Amino acid sequence: MDQDDAPAFRIAGRQQLVHRSLAEKSEPLAALYECALRVMWDRSNPGRVLLAAHSIREMMGGLPSVLALPVLAEQGRLGDQINALEPIWNGAANSRCHREGEWAGDIDGPLQKLLKALHKLFEWWKESRPKRRDVAAGLFRQSDPSGLPLPEMLEKKRVDSWLGLHNYFVRVAHQSVTTPDEFRERLDELEQILLDTLYRRPSEDLSAIDAILAEETPDA
């Protein structure tokens, strides 16, 4: 079917519930989610997966702040840390302590600088990873529709899924190879987590929910 003949974009089915739940927390986050759906719907856009991943990454990153949870200080991605370390490594490679891949002798200035930089890198790595897990766990504790803490095993499973999905969308946003089908599968997983976490209408008429879920889901 020609793109001009394709039906107009609309949010339908489960995605409508996800969008509504996000909008109740933050219109900008709901807009980021909608942007991802719109760009994935447009098959004529060769960069649709990358652009959609950017929107989803930003949406996921913004959720803790709208739920009044602690937000990690911006310390940069691991790649940024490695890029900053590279010139220090190159300087140490020219140290008098370094000969053809071997290190010997007293620690001189360039090697001392490298060791300090490595110490800082590993401290950042040690601190960053547990904090990301803590923030994700706090997100689910704060926003669960039941208002009750999740069982420990369920919380761990949900946190693991959230962090894995976040890492996937970050990689794709930085041009890691994926496919539209894989992207949709991961987006489906994320949407289910968002519904489980944010949807707070247990008393809503079930027939209305059934009608929404029965709508034809767009190709997004």
Protein backbone atom coordinates (compact mmCIF):
# COMPACT_ATOMS: atom_id res chain seq x y z
CA MET A 1 0.00 0.00 0.00
CA ASP A 2 1.32 3.43 -0.94
CA GLN A 3 2.18 5.68 2.03
CA ASP A 4 -0.28 8.30 0.77
CA ASP A 5 -3.05 5.70 0.94
CA ALA A 6 -2.14 4.53 4.46
CA PRO A 7 -4.65 5.26 7.23
CA ALA A 8 -3.98 8.35 9.34
CA PHE A 9 -1.90 7.79 12.45
CA ARG A 10 -3.83 7.27 15.66
CA ILE A 11 -3.04 5.83 19.06
CA ALA A 12 -5.22 2.80 19.69
CA GLY A 13 -5.51 -0.34 21.74
CA ARG A 14 -3.15 -0.84 24.66
CA GLN A 15 -1.02 2.09 23.52
CA GLN A 16 -3.96 4.40 24.24
CA LEU A 17 -3.95 3.24 27.86
CA VAL A 18 -0.18 3.70 28.09
CA HIS A 19 -0.41 7.20 26.62
CA ARG A 20 -3.22 8.15 28.99
CA SER A 21 -1.33 6.84 32.02
CA LEU A 22 1.79 8.79 31.02
CA ALA A 23 -0.20 11.97 30.37
CA GLU A 24 -1.65 11.80 33.89
CA LYS A 25 1.93 11.99 35.18
CA SER A 26 3.48 14.29 32.58
CA GLU A 27 2.28 15.64 29.26
CA PRO A 28 5.87 15.99 27.97
CA LEU A 29 6.56 12.30 28.68
CA ALA A 30 3.34 11.30 26.95
CA ALA A 31 4.41 13.46 23.99
CA LEU A 32 7.77 11.65 23.79
CA TYR A 33 5.95 8.32 23.74
CA GLU A 34 3.61 9.57 21.02
CA CYS A 35 6.58 10.83 18.98
CA ALA A 36 8.09 7.34 19.08
CA LEU A 37 4.83 5.78 17.88
CA ARG A 38 4.42 8.34 15.10
CA VAL A 39 7.93 7.96 13.75
CA MET A 40 7.70 4.15 13.81
CA TRP A 41 4.39 4.35 11.93
CA ASP A 42 6.10 6.24 9.10
CA ARG A 43 7.78 3.46 7.13
CA SER A 44 9.11 5.98 4.60
CA ASN A 45 11.51 7.33 7.26
CA PRO A 46 14.82 5.39 7.07
CA GLY A 47 15.83 6.63 10.50
CA ARG A 48 12.59 5.78 12.25
CA VAL A 49 14.02 3.16 14.62
CA LEU A 50 16.89 5.38 15.78
CA LEU A 51 14.61 8.41 16.26
CA ALA A 52 11.98 6.37 18.09
CA ALA A 53 14.68 4.96 20.38
CA HIS A 54 15.78 8.51 21.25
CA SER A 55 12.23 9.40 22.28
CA ILE A 56 11.74 6.25 24.34
CA ARG A 57 15.11 6.70 26.06
CA GLU A 58 14.19 10.26 27.03
CA MET A 59 10.75 9.17 28.23
CA MET A 60 12.20 6.43 30.43
CA GLY A 61 14.84 8.76 31.80
CA GLY A 62 12.24 11.37 32.72
CA LEU A 63 9.87 9.13 34.65
CA PRO A 64 11.73 9.17 38.01
CA SER A 65 11.72 12.97 38.17
CA VAL A 66 7.95 13.30 37.59
CA LEU A 67 7.39 10.73 40.35
CA ALA A 68 9.52 12.82 42.73
CA LEU A 69 12.20 10.14 42.94
CA PRO A 70 15.94 10.80 43.18
CA VAL A 71 17.52 11.33 39.77
CA LEU A 72 21.08 10.23 39.09
CA ALA A 73 23.59 12.97 38.65
CA GLU A 74 24.65 13.23 35.03
CA GLN A 75 28.01 11.46 34.99
CA GLY A 76 28.06 10.49 31.37
CA ARG A 77 27.84 7.20 29.55
CA LEU A 78 30.61 4.64 29.81
CA GLY A 79 31.71 5.56 26.28
CA ASP A 80 32.15 9.18 27.36
CA GLN A 81 34.26 8.07 30.32
CA ILE A 82 36.47 5.93 28.06
CA ASN A 83 36.88 8.80 25.58
CA ALA A 84 38.06 11.04 28.42
CA LEU A 85 40.50 8.35 29.55
CA GLU A 86 42.05 7.76 26.11
CA PRO A 87 44.43 10.76 26.03
CA ILE A 88 45.60 9.92 29.56
CA TRP A 89 46.30 6.36 28.44
CA ASN A 90 48.19 7.62 25.40
CA GLY A 91 50.31 9.80 27.64
CA ALA A 92 51.06 6.92 29.99
CA ALA A 93 52.02 4.72 27.04
CA ASN A 94 54.92 7.11 26.50
CA SER A 95 55.97 6.86 30.15
CA ARG A 96 59.47 5.66 30.96
CA CYS A 97 57.76 2.90 32.96
CA HIS A 98 56.28 1.42 29.77
CA ARG A 99 58.23 -0.58 27.23
CA GLU A 100 56.55 -2.71 24.54
CA GLY A 101 53.49 -3.56 26.63
CA GLU A 102 55.42 -4.14 29.86
CA TRP A 103 55.42 -1.89 32.94
CA ALA A 104 58.42 -1.64 35.25
CA GLY A 105 60.25 0.81 37.47
CA ASP A 106 59.05 3.64 39.68
CA ILE A 107 55.70 5.31 39.06
CA ASP A 108 56.33 8.50 37.13
CA GLY A 109 53.99 11.41 36.45
CA PRO A 110 52.14 10.05 33.36
CA LEU A 111 51.57 6.64 34.96
CA GLN A 112 50.40 8.23 38.20
CA LYS A 113 47.88 10.30 36.25
CA LEU A 114 46.59 7.18 34.50
CA LEU A 115 46.22 5.24 37.77
CA LYS A 116 44.26 8.10 39.33
CA ALA A 117 42.00 8.28 36.27
CA LEU A 118 41.40 4.51 36.39
CA HIS A 119 40.55 4.72 40.08
CA LYS A 120 38.03 7.45 39.35
CA LEU A 121 36.52 5.45 36.48
CA PHE A 122 35.98 2.31 38.55
CA GLU A 123 34.56 4.29 41.46
CA TRP A 124 32.07 5.89 39.05
CA TRP A 125 31.17 2.47 37.64
CA LYS A 126 30.69 0.96 41.11
CA GLU A 127 28.51 3.86 42.27
CA SER A 128 26.50 4.29 39.08
CA ARG A 129 25.22 0.75 38.59
CA PRO A 130 23.65 0.16 42.02
CA LYS A 131 22.11 3.64 41.99
CA ARG A 132 20.40 2.97 38.67
CA ARG A 133 18.92 -0.18 40.14
CA ASP A 134 17.80 1.70 43.26
CA VAL A 135 16.12 4.42 41.20
CA ALA A 136 14.32 1.81 39.07
CA ALA A 137 13.14 -0.06 42.18
CA GLY A 138 11.93 3.21 43.69
CA LEU A 139 9.98 3.97 40.53
CA PHE A 140 7.98 0.76 40.90
CA ARG A 141 7.47 1.16 44.65
CA GLN A 142 6.23 4.73 44.23
CA SER A 143 3.89 4.15 41.32
CA ASP A 144 2.43 0.66 41.73
CA PRO A 145 -1.38 0.96 41.37
CA SER A 146 -2.03 -1.21 44.43
CA GLY A 147 -0.17 1.19 46.70
CA LEU A 148 1.56 -1.84 48.26
CA PRO A 149 5.20 -2.91 47.98
CA LEU A 150 5.85 -5.53 45.34
CA PRO A 151 7.02 -8.99 46.40
CA GLU A 152 10.81 -9.03 46.36
CA MET A 153 11.12 -11.47 43.46
CA LEU A 154 8.60 -9.56 41.34
CA GLU A 155 10.34 -6.27 42.04
CA LYS A 156 13.71 -7.74 41.06
CA LYS A 157 12.26 -9.16 37.85
CA ARG A 158 10.64 -5.85 36.94
CA VAL A 159 13.79 -3.86 37.73
CA ASP A 160 15.93 -6.25 35.64
CA SER A 161 13.50 -5.90 32.73
CA TRP A 162 13.43 -2.10 33.04
CA LEU A 163 17.22 -1.77 33.10
CA GLY A 164 17.60 -4.19 30.21
CA LEU A 165 15.07 -2.28 28.13
CA HIS A 166 16.68 1.05 29.00
CA ASN A 167 20.07 -0.26 27.90
CA TYR A 168 18.55 -1.55 24.65
CA PHE A 169 16.95 1.80 23.74
CA VAL A 170 20.14 3.68 24.65
CA ARG A 171 22.20 1.39 22.39
CA VAL A 172 19.75 1.76 19.51
CA ALA A 173 19.68 5.53 19.97
CA HIS A 174 23.45 5.41 19.48
CA GLN A 175 23.09 3.41 16.28
CA SER A 176 23.42 -0.13 17.59
CA VAL A 177 22.09 -2.55 14.98
CA THR A 178 18.52 -3.75 15.48
CA THR A 179 15.40 -4.38 13.39
CA PRO A 180 11.92 -2.82 13.40
CA ASP A 181 10.48 -6.15 14.55
CA GLU A 182 12.89 -6.40 17.49
CA PHE A 183 12.19 -2.76 18.36
CA ARG A 184 8.44 -3.44 18.45
CA GLU A 185 8.98 -6.49 20.67
CA ARG A 186 11.00 -4.45 23.15
CA LEU A 187 8.45 -1.63 23.00
CA ASP A 188 5.70 -4.16 23.75
CA GLU A 189 7.63 -5.28 26.84
CA LEU A 190 8.05 -1.69 27.98
CA GLU A 191 4.39 -0.87 27.43
CA GLN A 192 3.35 -3.81 29.60
CA ILE A 193 5.65 -2.62 32.40
CA LEU A 194 4.24 0.90 32.12
CA LEU A 195 0.68 -0.39 32.32
CA ASP A 196 1.50 -2.59 35.31
CA THR A 197 3.23 0.36 36.96
CA LEU A 198 1.21 3.45 36.09
CA TYR A 199 -2.34 2.40 35.28
CA ARG A 200 -4.41 3.35 38.34
CA ARG A 201 -8.04 2.81 37.40
CA PRO A 202 -9.18 -0.46 38.97
CA SER A 203 -12.73 0.87 39.27
CA GLU A 204 -12.97 1.96 35.63
CA ASP A 205 -15.76 0.26 33.72
CA LEU A 206 -14.29 -2.99 32.40
CA SER A 207 -16.36 -2.79 29.25
CA ALA A 208 -14.65 0.51 28.39
CA ILE A 209 -11.23 -1.06 28.88
CA ASP A 210 -12.23 -4.05 26.75
CA ALA A 211 -13.39 -1.72 24.00
CA ILE A 212 -10.07 0.11 23.99
CA LEU A 213 -8.04 -3.08 23.94
CA ALA A 214 -10.17 -4.52 21.17
CA GLU A 215 -9.34 -1.67 18.81
CA GLU A 216 -7.02 -2.44 15.94
CA THR A 217 -3.46 -1.73 17.03
CA PRO A 218 -1.54 0.46 14.55
CA ASP A 219 1.76 -0.63 13.04
CA ALA A 220 3.99 1.15 15.54
